[in-house]
């Protein structure tokens, strides 16, 4: 009888240690995953910022006008001619879709 109780207590202790070990491993994995996501998110923001800066420079170089001037013109066009703006957007999307489908 005493042997069964000792065995039962021993199994309970082993189960508790197993649960604690699993919990610790899960916490470490969660911390690692969170740190990785934070690091990757920061890197993605850096890369996106670089791409935006490069795109701005390319627009300036190719057109001689900065992106704000283009944005202002597009906004004015959309406000003055909303239907044409929608049709132009659809046409551009169609053409890009055809081009990208081939690639």
PDB file of N, CA and C in Angstrom:
ATOM      1  N   UNK A   1       0.833  -1.185   0.000  1.00  0.00           N
ATOM      2  CA  UNK A   1       0.000   0.000   0.000  1.00  0.00           C
ATOM      3  C   UNK A   1       0.878   1.249   0.000  1.00  0.00           C
ATOM      4  N   UNK A   2       1.871   1.259   0.911  1.00  0.00           N
ATOM      5  CA  UNK A   2       2.778   2.402   0.976  1.00  0.00           C
ATOM      6  C   UNK A   2       3.561   2.526  -0.322  1.00  0.00           C
ATOM      7  N   UNK A   3       3.925   1.379  -0.929  1.00  0.00           N
ATOM      8  CA  UNK A   3       4.652   1.413  -2.196  1.00  0.00           C
ATOM      9  C   UNK A   3       3.804   2.048  -3.295  1.00  0.00           C
ATOM     10  N   UNK A   4       2.522   1.739  -3.295  1.00  0.00           N
ATOM     11  CA  UNK A   4       1.632   2.324  -4.308  1.00  0.00           C
ATOM     12  C   UNK A   4       1.508   3.830  -4.118  1.00  0.00           C
ATOM     13  N   UNK A   5       1.424   4.284  -2.887  1.00  0.00           N
ATOM     14  CA  UNK A   5       1.321   5.718  -2.598  1.00  0.00           C
ATOM     15  C   UNK A   5       2.610   6.419  -3.010  1.00  0.00           C
ATOM     16  N   UNK A   6       3.751   5.802  -2.675  1.00  0.00           N
ATOM     17  CA  UNK A   6       5.037   6.392  -3.060  1.00  0.00           C
ATOM     18  C   UNK A   6       5.147   6.458  -4.584  1.00  0.00           C
ATOM     19  N   UNK A   7       4.720   5.386  -5.240  1.00  0.00           N
ATOM     20  CA  UNK A   7       4.764   5.333  -6.695  1.00  0.00           C
ATOM     21  C   UNK A   7       3.836   6.392  -7.290  1.00  0.00           C
ATOM     22  N   UNK A   8       2.662   6.542  -6.712  1.00  0.00           N
ATOM     23  CA  UNK A   8       1.701   7.540  -7.180  1.00  0.00           C
ATOM     24  C   UNK A   8       2.251   8.949  -6.987  1.00  0.00           C
ATOM     25  N   UNK A   9       2.861   9.209  -5.824  1.00  0.00           N
ATOM     26  CA  UNK A   9       3.459  10.520  -5.575  1.00  0.00           C
ATOM     27  C   UNK A   9       4.621  10.778  -6.540  1.00  0.00           C
ATOM     28  N   UNK A  10       5.394   9.740  -6.804  1.00  0.00           N
ATOM     29  CA  UNK A  10       6.513   9.863  -7.720  1.00  0.00           C
ATOM     30  C   UNK A  10       6.014  10.186  -9.129  1.00  0.00           C
ATOM     31  N   UNK A  11       4.961   9.507  -9.569  1.00  0.00           N
ATOM     32  CA  UNK A  11       4.384   9.778 -10.884  1.00  0.00           C
ATOM     33  C   UNK A  11       3.800  11.191 -10.942  1.00  0.00           C
ATOM     34  N   UNK A  12       3.163  11.628  -9.859  1.00  0.00           N
ATOM     35  CA  UNK A  12       2.619  12.985  -9.821  1.00  0.00           C
ATOM     36  C   UNK A  12       3.741  14.015  -9.928  1.00  0.00           C
ATOM     37  N   UNK A  13       4.823  13.757  -9.224  1.00  0.00           N
ATOM     38  CA  UNK A  13       5.976  14.671  -9.269  1.00  0.00           C
ATOM     39  C   UNK A  13       6.587  14.700 -10.669  1.00  0.00           C
ATOM     40  N   UNK A  14       6.692  13.549 -11.303  1.00  0.00           N
ATOM     41  CA  UNK A  14       7.220  13.489 -12.665  1.00  0.00           C
ATOM     42  C   UNK A  14       6.295  14.231 -13.630  1.00  0.00           C
ATOM     43  N   UNK A  15       5.009  14.056 -13.444  1.00  0.00           N
ATOM     44  CA  UNK A  15       4.040  14.767 -14.296  1.00  0.00           C
ATOM     45  C   UNK A  15       4.147  16.274 -14.111  1.00  0.00           C
ATOM     46  N   UNK A  16       4.299  16.711 -12.856  1.00  0.00           N
ATOM     47  CA  UNK A  16       4.430  18.145 -12.578  1.00  0.00           C
ATOM     48  C   UNK A  16       5.693  18.690 -13.226  1.00  0.00           C
ATOM     49  N   UNK A  17       6.799  17.969 -13.105  1.00  0.00           N
ATOM     50  CA  UNK A  17       8.051  18.424 -13.725  1.00  0.00           C
ATOM     51  C   UNK A  17       7.932  18.464 -15.246  1.00  0.00           C
ATOM     52  N   UNK A  18       7.243  17.489 -15.792  1.00  0.00           N
ATOM     53  CA  UNK A  18       7.039  17.462 -17.243  1.00  0.00           C
ATOM     54  C   UNK A  18       6.228  18.676 -17.695  1.00  0.00           C
ATOM     55  N   UNK A  19       5.168  18.982 -16.971  1.00  0.00           N
ATOM     56  CA  UNK A  19       4.338  20.146 -17.302  1.00  0.00           C
ATOM     57  C   UNK A  19       5.151  21.435 -17.177  1.00  0.00           C
ATOM     58  N   UNK A  20       5.935  21.555 -16.101  1.00  0.00           N
ATOM     59  CA  UNK A  20       6.748  22.757 -15.910  1.00  0.00           C
ATOM     60  C   UNK A  20       7.799  22.895 -17.010  1.00  0.00           C
ATOM     61  N   UNK A  21       8.424  21.775 -17.366  1.00  0.00           N
ATOM     62  CA  UNK A  21       9.419  21.802 -18.450  1.00  0.00           C
ATOM     63  C   UNK A  21       8.794  22.195 -19.770  1.00  0.00           C
ATOM     64  N   UNK A  22       7.609  21.667 -20.033  1.00  0.00           N
ATOM     65  CA  UNK A  22       6.902  22.006 -21.265  1.00  0.00           C
ATOM     66  C   UNK A  22       6.516  23.474 -21.270  1.00  0.00           C
ATOM     67  N   UNK A  23       6.044  23.967 -20.134  1.00  0.00           N
ATOM     68  CA  UNK A  23       5.670  25.380 -20.027  1.00  0.00           C
ATOM     69  C   UNK A  23       6.886  26.273 -20.261  1.00  0.00           C
ATOM     70  N   UNK A  24       8.016  25.923 -19.648  1.00  0.00           N
ATOM     71  CA  UNK A  24       9.235  26.710 -19.834  1.00  0.00           C
ATOM     72  C   UNK A  24       9.678  26.708 -21.302  1.00  0.00           C
ATOM     73  N   UNK A  25       9.615  25.554 -21.935  1.00  0.00           N
ATOM     74  CA  UNK A  25       9.999  25.464 -23.344  1.00  0.00           C
ATOM     75  C   UNK A  25       9.061  26.303 -24.219  1.00  0.00           C
ATOM     76  N   UNK A  26       7.776  26.260 -23.912  1.00  0.00           N
ATOM     77  CA  UNK A  26       6.805  27.048 -24.681  1.00  0.00           C
ATOM     78  C   UNK A  26       7.042  28.546 -24.491  1.00  0.00           C
ATOM     79  N   UNK A  27       7.374  28.956 -23.265  1.00  0.00           N
ATOM     80  CA  UNK A  27       7.660  30.374 -23.009  1.00  0.00           C
ATOM     81  C   UNK A  27       8.911  30.823 -23.744  1.00  0.00           C
ATOM     82  N   UNK A  28       9.947  29.967 -23.742  1.00  0.00           N
ATOM     83  CA  UNK A  28      11.171  30.312 -24.474  1.00  0.00           C
ATOM     84  C   UNK A  28      10.898  30.395 -25.974  1.00  0.00           C
ATOM     85  N   UNK A  29      10.126  29.453 -26.487  1.00  0.00           N
ATOM     86  CA  UNK A  29       9.797  29.473 -27.913  1.00  0.00           C
ATOM     87  C   UNK A  29       8.976  30.713 -28.263  1.00  0.00           C
ATOM     88  N   UNK A  30       8.041  31.073 -27.408  1.00  0.00           N
ATOM     89  CA  UNK A  30       7.242  32.275 -27.639  1.00  0.00           C
ATOM     90  C   UNK A  30       8.085  33.531 -27.614  1.00  0.00           C
ATOM     91  N   UNK A  31       9.008  33.616 -26.666  1.00  0.00           N
ATOM     92  CA  UNK A  31       9.909  34.774 -26.586  1.00  0.00           C
ATOM     93  C   UNK A  31      10.787  34.854 -27.825  1.00  0.00           C
ATOM     94  N   UNK A  32      11.299  33.715 -28.258  1.00  0.00           N
ATOM     95  CA  UNK A  32      12.137  33.685 -29.460  1.00  0.00           C
ATOM     96  C   UNK A  32      11.337  34.109 -30.689  1.00  0.00           C
ATOM     97  N   UNK A  33      10.123  33.591 -30.815  1.00  0.00           N
ATOM     98  CA  UNK A  33       9.281  33.939 -31.960  1.00  0.00           C
ATOM     99  C   UNK A  33       8.950  35.428 -31.943  1.00  0.00           C
ATOM    100  N   UNK A  34       8.633  35.964 -30.779  1.00  0.00           N
ATOM    101  CA  UNK A  34       8.306  37.385 -30.680  1.00  0.00           C
ATOM    102  C   UNK A  34       9.510  38.236 -31.050  1.00  0.00           C
ATOM    103  N   UNK A  35      10.684  37.877 -30.579  1.00  0.00           N
ATOM    104  CA  UNK A  35      11.900  38.624 -30.918  1.00  0.00           C
ATOM    105  C   UNK A  35      12.176  38.546 -32.411  1.00  0.00           C
ATOM    106  N   UNK A  36      11.959  37.372 -33.000  1.00  0.00           N
ATOM    107  CA  UNK A  36      12.177  37.210 -34.434  1.00  0.00           C
ATOM    108  C   UNK A  36      11.212  38.058 -35.234  1.00  0.00           C
ATOM    109  N   UNK A  37       9.947  38.066 -34.853  1.00  0.00           N
ATOM    110  CA  UNK A  37       8.953  38.872 -35.554  1.00  0.00           C
ATOM    111  C   UNK A  37       9.282  40.356 -35.429  1.00  0.00           C
ATOM    112  N   UNK A  38       9.688  40.784 -34.259  1.00  0.00           N
ATOM    113  CA  UNK A  38      10.057  42.183 -34.052  1.00  0.00           C
ATOM    114  C   UNK A  38      11.251  42.553 -34.927  1.00  0.00           C
ATOM    115  N   UNK A  39      12.249  41.691 -34.958  1.00  0.00           N
ATOM    116  CA  UNK A  39      13.438  41.940 -35.766  1.00  0.00           C
ATOM    117  C   UNK A  39      13.081  41.984 -37.253  1.00  0.00           C
ATOM    118  N   UNK A  40      12.290  41.019 -37.722  1.00  0.00           N
ATOM    119  CA  UNK A  40      11.900  40.982 -39.130  1.00  0.00           C
ATOM    120  C   UNK A  40      11.014  42.166 -39.504  1.00  0.00           C
ATOM    121  N   UNK A  41      10.137  42.551 -38.609  1.00  0.00           N
ATOM    122  CA  UNK A  41       9.266  43.696 -38.857  1.00  0.00           C
ATOM    123  C   UNK A  41      10.087  44.971 -39.005  1.00  0.00           C
ATOM    124  N   UNK A  42      11.059  45.148 -38.137  1.00  0.00           N
ATOM    125  CA  UNK A  42      11.931  46.317 -38.236  1.00  0.00           C
ATOM    126  C   UNK A  42      12.702  46.329 -39.535  1.00  0.00           C
ATOM    127  N   UNK A  43      13.207  45.168 -39.928  1.00  0.00           N
ATOM    128  CA  UNK A  43      13.953  45.064 -41.199  1.00  0.00           C
ATOM    129  C   UNK A  43      13.031  45.340 -42.382  1.00  0.00           C
ATOM    130  N   UNK A  44      11.820  44.825 -42.341  1.00  0.00           N
ATOM    131  CA  UNK A  44      10.869  45.066 -43.435  1.00  0.00           C
ATOM    132  C   UNK A  44      10.549  46.553 -43.551  1.00  0.00           C
ATOM    133  N   UNK A  45      10.397  47.219 -42.427  1.00  0.00           N
ATOM    134  CA  UNK A  45      10.133  48.665 -42.463  1.00  0.00           C
ATOM    135  C   UNK A  45      11.322  49.417 -43.042  1.00  0.00           C
ATOM    136  N   UNK A  46      12.537  48.985 -42.689  1.00  0.00           N
ATOM    137  CA  UNK A  46      13.731  49.624 -43.248  1.00  0.00           C
ATOM    138  C   UNK A  46      13.791  49.442 -44.764  1.00  0.00           C
ATOM    139  N   UNK A  47      13.541  48.217 -45.215  1.00  0.00           N
ATOM    140  CA  UNK A  47      13.583  47.928 -46.651  1.00  0.00           C
ATOM    141  C   UNK A  47      12.489  48.706 -47.376  1.00  0.00           C
ATOM    142  N   UNK A  48      11.288  48.741 -46.798  1.00  0.00           N
ATOM    143  CA  UNK A  48      10.187  49.483 -47.426  1.00  0.00           C
ATOM    144  C   UNK A  48      10.528  50.964 -47.516  1.00  0.00           C
ATOM    145  N   UNK A  49      11.128  51.513 -46.481  1.00  0.00           N
ATOM    146  CA  UNK A  49      11.535  52.917 -46.507  1.00  0.00           C
ATOM    147  C   UNK A  49      12.563  53.176 -47.595  1.00  0.00           C
ATOM    148  N   UNK A  50      13.513  52.243 -47.749  1.00  0.00           N
ATOM    149  CA  UNK A  50      14.512  52.377 -48.805  1.00  0.00           C
ATOM    150  C   UNK A  50      13.865  52.306 -50.183  1.00  0.00           C
ATOM    151  N   UNK A  51      12.907  51.394 -50.352  1.00  0.00           N
ATOM    152  CA  UNK A  51      12.221  51.273 -51.642  1.00  0.00           C
ATOM    153  C   UNK A  51      11.433  52.534 -51.973  1.00  0.00           C
ATOM    154  N   UNK A  52      10.775  53.088 -50.980  1.00  0.00           N
ATOM    155  CA  UNK A  52      10.012  54.325 -51.196  1.00  0.00           C
ATOM    156  C   UNK A  52      10.956  55.455 -51.586  1.00  0.00           C
ATOM    157  N   UNK A  53      12.066  55.555 -50.880  1.00  0.00           N
ATOM    158  CA  UNK A  53      13.036  56.602 -51.202  1.00  0.00           C
ATOM    159  C   UNK A  53      13.591  56.422 -52.615  1.00  0.00           C
ATOM    160  N   UNK A  54      13.883  55.174 -52.982  1.00  0.00           N
ATOM    161  CA  UNK A  54      14.379  54.896 -54.331  1.00  0.00           C
ATOM    162  C   UNK A  54      13.334  55.237 -55.387  1.00  0.00           C
ATOM    163  N   UNK A  55      12.074  54.886 -55.118  1.00  0.00           N
ATOM    164  CA  UNK A  55      11.002  55.188 -56.068  1.00  0.00           C
ATOM    165  C   UNK A  55      10.840  56.694 -56.227  1.00  0.00           C
ATOM    166  N   UNK A  56      10.892  57.425 -55.129  1.00  0.00           N
ATOM    167  CA  UNK A  56      10.801  58.894 -55.200  1.00  0.00           C
ATOM    168  C   UNK A  56      11.932  59.464 -56.058  1.00  0.00           C
ATOM    169  N   UNK A  57      13.138  58.954 -55.838  1.00  0.00           N
ATOM    170  CA  UNK A  57      14.294  59.435 -56.599  1.00  0.00           C
ATOM    171  C   UNK A  57      14.142  59.104 -58.082  1.00  0.00           C
ATOM    172  N   UNK A  58      13.639  57.906 -58.387  1.00  0.00           N
ATOM    173  CA  UNK A  58      13.442  57.507 -59.787  1.00  0.00           C
ATOM    174  C   UNK A  58      12.404  58.387 -60.465  1.00  0.00           C
ATOM    175  N   UNK A  59      11.301  58.656 -59.786  1.00  0.00           N
ATOM    176  CA  UNK A  59      10.270  59.529 -60.352  1.00  0.00           C
ATOM    177  C   UNK A  59      10.854  60.912 -60.622  1.00  0.00           C
ATOM    178  N   UNK A  60      11.594  61.425 -59.674  1.00  0.00           N
ATOM    179  CA  UNK A  60      12.221  62.749 -59.828  1.00  0.00           C
ATOM    180  C   UNK A  60      13.184  62.736 -61.014  1.00  0.00           C
ATOM    181  N   UNK A  61      14.007  61.700 -61.106  1.00  0.00           N
ATOM    182  CA  UNK A  61      15.008  61.622 -62.165  1.00  0.00           C
ATOM    183  C   UNK A  61      14.373  61.473 -63.539  1.00  0.00           C
ATOM    184  N   UNK A  62      13.342  60.614 -63.636  1.00  0.00           N
ATOM    185  CA  UNK A  62      12.740  60.327 -64.939  1.00  0.00           C
ATOM    186  C   UNK A  62      11.811  61.426 -65.432  1.00  0.00           C
ATOM    187  N   UNK A  63      11.151  62.113 -64.526  1.00  0.00           N
ATOM    188  CA  UNK A  63      10.149  63.093 -64.941  1.00  0.00           C
ATOM    189  C   UNK A  63      10.543  64.535 -64.668  1.00  0.00           C
ATOM    190  N   UNK A  64      11.520  64.729 -63.828  1.00  0.00           N
ATOM    191  CA  UNK A  64      11.907  66.087 -63.476  1.00  0.00           C
ATOM    192  C   UNK A  64      10.973  66.733 -62.468  1.00  0.00           C
ATOM    193  N   UNK A  65      10.003  65.965 -61.982  1.00  0.00           N
ATOM    194  CA  UNK A  65       9.051  66.466 -60.981  1.00  0.00           C
ATOM    195  C   UNK A  65       9.059  65.516 -59.796  1.00  0.00           C
ATOM    196  N   UNK A  66       8.845  66.077 -58.607  1.00  0.00           N
ATOM    197  CA  UNK A  66       8.814  65.220 -57.429  1.00  0.00           C
ATOM    198  C   UNK A  66       7.454  64.538 -57.293  1.00  0.00           C
ATOM    199  N   UNK A  67       7.411  63.543 -56.422  1.00  0.00           N
ATOM    200  CA  UNK A  67       6.215  62.718 -56.262  1.00  0.00           C
ATOM    201  C   UNK A  67       5.032  63.523 -55.743  1.00  0.00           C
ATOM    202  N   UNK A  68       5.301  64.537 -54.937  1.00  0.00           N
ATOM    203  CA  UNK A  68       4.204  65.360 -54.411  1.00  0.00           C
ATOM    204  C   UNK A  68       3.472  66.088 -55.539  1.00  0.00           C
ATOM    205  N   UNK A  69       4.218  66.549 -56.552  1.00  0.00           N
ATOM    206  CA  UNK A  69       3.586  67.219 -57.696  1.00  0.00           C
ATOM    207  C   UNK A  69       2.700  66.246 -58.460  1.00  0.00           C
ATOM    208  N   UNK A  70       3.190  65.019 -58.660  1.00  0.00           N
ATOM    209  CA  UNK A  70       2.383  64.005 -59.346  1.00  0.00           C
ATOM    210  C   UNK A  70       1.139  63.663 -58.533  1.00  0.00           C
ATOM    211  N   UNK A  71       1.308  63.525 -57.236  1.00  0.00           N
ATOM    212  CA  UNK A  71       0.176  63.203 -56.368  1.00  0.00           C
ATOM    213  C   UNK A  71      -0.879  64.289 -56.440  1.00  0.00           C
ATOM    214  N   UNK A  72      -0.451  65.521 -56.425  1.00  0.00           N
ATOM    215  CA  UNK A  72      -1.379  66.648 -56.517  1.00  0.00           C
ATOM    216  C   UNK A  72      -2.142  66.626 -57.843  1.00  0.00           C
ATOM    217  N   UNK A  73      -1.427  66.353 -58.945  1.00  0.00           N
ATOM    218  CA  UNK A  73      -2.067  66.290 -60.259  1.00  0.00           C
ATOM    219  C   UNK A  73      -3.081  65.147 -60.330  1.00  0.00           C
ATOM    220  N   UNK A  74      -2.701  63.996 -59.815  1.00  0.00           N
ATOM    221  CA  UNK A  74      -3.603  62.835 -59.844  1.00  0.00           C
ATOM    222  C   UNK A  74      -4.842  63.109 -58.994  1.00  0.00           C
ATOM    223  N   UNK A  75      -4.646  63.684 -57.828  1.00  0.00           N
ATOM    224  CA  UNK A  75      -5.782  64.000 -56.961  1.00  0.00           C
ATOM    225  C   UNK A  75      -6.750  64.959 -57.662  1.00  0.00           C
ATOM    226  N   UNK A  76      -6.210  65.975 -58.291  1.00  0.00           N
ATOM    227  CA  UNK A  76      -7.043  66.946 -59.001  1.00  0.00           C
ATOM    228  C   UNK A  76      -7.796  66.266 -60.162  1.00  0.00           C
ATOM    229  N   UNK A  77      -7.107  65.400 -60.919  1.00  0.00           N
ATOM    230  CA  UNK A  77      -7.740  64.688 -62.034  1.00  0.00           C
ATOM    231  C   UNK A  77      -8.901  63.823 -61.534  1.00  0.00           C
ATOM    232  N   UNK A  78      -8.680  63.106 -60.428  1.00  0.00           N
ATOM    233  CA  UNK A  78      -9.725  62.230 -59.887  1.00  0.00           C
ATOM    234  C   UNK A  78     -10.920  63.051 -59.414  1.00  0.00           C
ATOM    235  N   UNK A  79     -10.663  64.192 -58.808  1.00  0.00           N
ATOM    236  CA  UNK A  79     -11.762  65.037 -58.334  1.00  0.00           C
ATOM    237  C   UNK A  79     -12.541  65.640 -59.491  1.00  0.00           C
ATOM    238  N   UNK A  80     -11.852  66.021 -60.557  1.00  0.00           N
ATOM    239  CA  UNK A  80     -12.514  66.658 -61.693  1.00  0.00           C
ATOM    240  C   UNK A  80     -13.170  65.656 -62.636  1.00  0.00           C
ATOM    241  N   UNK A  81     -12.590  64.463 -62.757  1.00  0.00           N
ATOM    242  CA  UNK A  81     -13.083  63.459 -63.708  1.00  0.00           C
ATOM    243  C   UNK A  81     -13.109  62.070 -63.061  1.00  0.00           C
ATOM    244  N   UNK A  82     -14.017  61.830 -62.133  1.00  0.00           N
ATOM    245  CA  UNK A  82     -14.008  60.541 -61.407  1.00  0.00           C
ATOM    246  C   UNK A  82     -14.256  59.332 -62.308  1.00  0.00           C
ATOM    247  N   UNK A  83     -15.163  59.436 -63.273  1.00  0.00           N
ATOM    248  CA  UNK A  83     -15.451  58.298 -64.137  1.00  0.00           C
ATOM    249  C   UNK A  83     -14.239  57.943 -64.990  1.00  0.00           C
ATOM    250  N   UNK A  84     -13.605  58.948 -65.567  1.00  0.00           N
ATOM    251  CA  UNK A  84     -12.419  58.681 -66.371  1.00  0.00           C
ATOM    252  C   UNK A  84     -11.302  58.083 -65.514  1.00  0.00           C
ATOM    253  N   UNK A  85     -11.195  58.542 -64.273  1.00  0.00           N
ATOM    254  CA  UNK A  85     -10.170  58.009 -63.375  1.00  0.00           C
ATOM    255  C   UNK A  85     -10.400  56.524 -63.118  1.00  0.00           C
ATOM    256  N   UNK A  86     -11.637  56.144 -62.910  1.00  0.00           N
ATOM    257  CA  UNK A  86     -11.955  54.727 -62.694  1.00  0.00           C
ATOM    258  C   UNK A  86     -11.648  53.914 -63.949  1.00  0.00           C
ATOM    259  N   UNK A  87     -12.022  54.431 -65.104  1.00  0.00           N
ATOM    260  CA  UNK A  87     -11.771  53.717 -66.364  1.00  0.00           C
ATOM    261  C   UNK A  87     -10.273  53.582 -66.637  1.00  0.00           C
ATOM    262  N   UNK A  88      -9.511  54.628 -66.390  1.00  0.00           N
ATOM    263  CA  UNK A  88      -8.056  54.555 -66.580  1.00  0.00           C
ATOM    264  C   UNK A  88      -7.456  53.535 -65.624  1.00  0.00           C
ATOM    265  N   UNK A  89      -7.907  53.527 -64.383  1.00  0.00           N
ATOM    266  CA  UNK A  89      -7.400  52.572 -63.402  1.00  0.00           C
ATOM    267  C   UNK A  89      -7.705  51.141 -63.823  1.00  0.00           C
ATOM    268  N   UNK A  90      -8.915  50.922 -64.324  1.00  0.00           N
ATOM    269  CA  UNK A  90      -9.287  49.581 -64.789  1.00  0.00           C
ATOM    270  C   UNK A  90      -8.431  49.166 -65.989  1.00  0.00           C
ATOM    271  N   UNK A  91      -8.203  50.091 -66.909  1.00  0.00           N
ATOM    272  CA  UNK A  91      -7.397  49.786 -68.091  1.00  0.00           C
ATOM    273  C   UNK A  91      -5.963  49.446 -67.686  1.00  0.00           C
ATOM    274  N   UNK A  92      -5.409  50.220 -66.789  1.00  0.00           N
ATOM    275  CA  UNK A  92      -4.039  49.943 -66.325  1.00  0.00           C
ATOM    276  C   UNK A  92      -3.978  48.588 -65.633  1.00  0.00           C
ATOM    277  N   UNK A  93      -4.965  48.297 -64.803  1.00  0.00           N
ATOM    278  CA  UNK A  93      -5.010  47.002 -64.133  1.00  0.00           C
ATOM    279  C   UNK A  93      -5.121  45.853 -65.118  1.00  0.00           C
ATOM    280  N   UNK A  94      -5.911  46.025 -66.154  1.00  0.00           N
ATOM    281  CA  UNK A  94      -6.080  44.994 -67.179  1.00  0.00           C
ATOM    282  C   UNK A  94      -4.752  44.741 -67.899  1.00  0.00           C
ATOM    283  N   UNK A  95      -4.109  45.813 -68.324  1.00  0.00           N
ATOM    284  CA  UNK A  95      -2.840  45.677 -69.042  1.00  0.00           C
ATOM    285  C   UNK A  95      -1.782  45.040 -68.148  1.00  0.00           C
ATOM    286  N   UNK A  96      -1.666  45.509 -66.919  1.00  0.00           N
ATOM    287  CA  UNK A  96      -0.693  44.915 -66.000  1.00  0.00           C
ATOM    288  C   UNK A  96      -1.007  43.440 -65.745  1.00  0.00           C
ATOM    289  N   UNK A  97      -2.271  43.101 -65.622  1.00  0.00           N
ATOM    290  CA  UNK A  97      -2.664  41.720 -65.426  1.00  0.00           C
ATOM    291  C   UNK A  97      -2.231  40.840 -66.596  1.00  0.00           C
ATOM    292  N   UNK A  98      -2.412  41.349 -67.802  1.00  0.00           N
ATOM    293  CA  UNK A  98      -2.001  40.592 -69.001  1.00  0.00           C
ATOM    294  C   UNK A  98      -0.493  40.427 -69.036  1.00  0.00           C
ATOM    295  N   UNK A  99       0.235  41.503 -68.714  1.00  0.00           N
ATOM    296  CA  UNK A  99       1.691  41.444 -68.745  1.00  0.00           C
ATOM    297  C   UNK A  99       2.213  40.482 -67.679  1.00  0.00           C
ATOM    298  N   UNK A 100       1.675  40.578 -66.478  1.00  0.00           N
ATOM    299  CA  UNK A 100       2.157  39.731 -65.384  1.00  0.00           C
ATOM    300  C   UNK A 100       1.737  38.272 -65.547  1.00  0.00           C
ATOM    301  N   UNK A 101       0.637  38.045 -66.242  1.00  0.00           N
ATOM    302  CA  UNK A 101       0.178  36.669 -66.466  1.00  0.00           C
ATOM    303  C   UNK A 101       1.151  35.916 -67.357  1.00  0.00           C
ATOM    304  N   UNK A 102       1.759  36.622 -68.299  1.00  0.00           N
ATOM    305  CA  UNK A 102       2.726  35.998 -69.198  1.00  0.00           C
ATOM    306  C   UNK A 102       4.025  35.633 -68.486  1.00  0.00           C
ATOM    307  N   UNK A 103       4.372  36.404 -67.474  1.00  0.00           N
ATOM    308  CA  UNK A 103       5.663  36.200 -66.794  1.00  0.00           C
ATOM    309  C   UNK A 103       5.675  34.982 -65.922  1.00  0.00           C
TER     310      UNK A 103
END
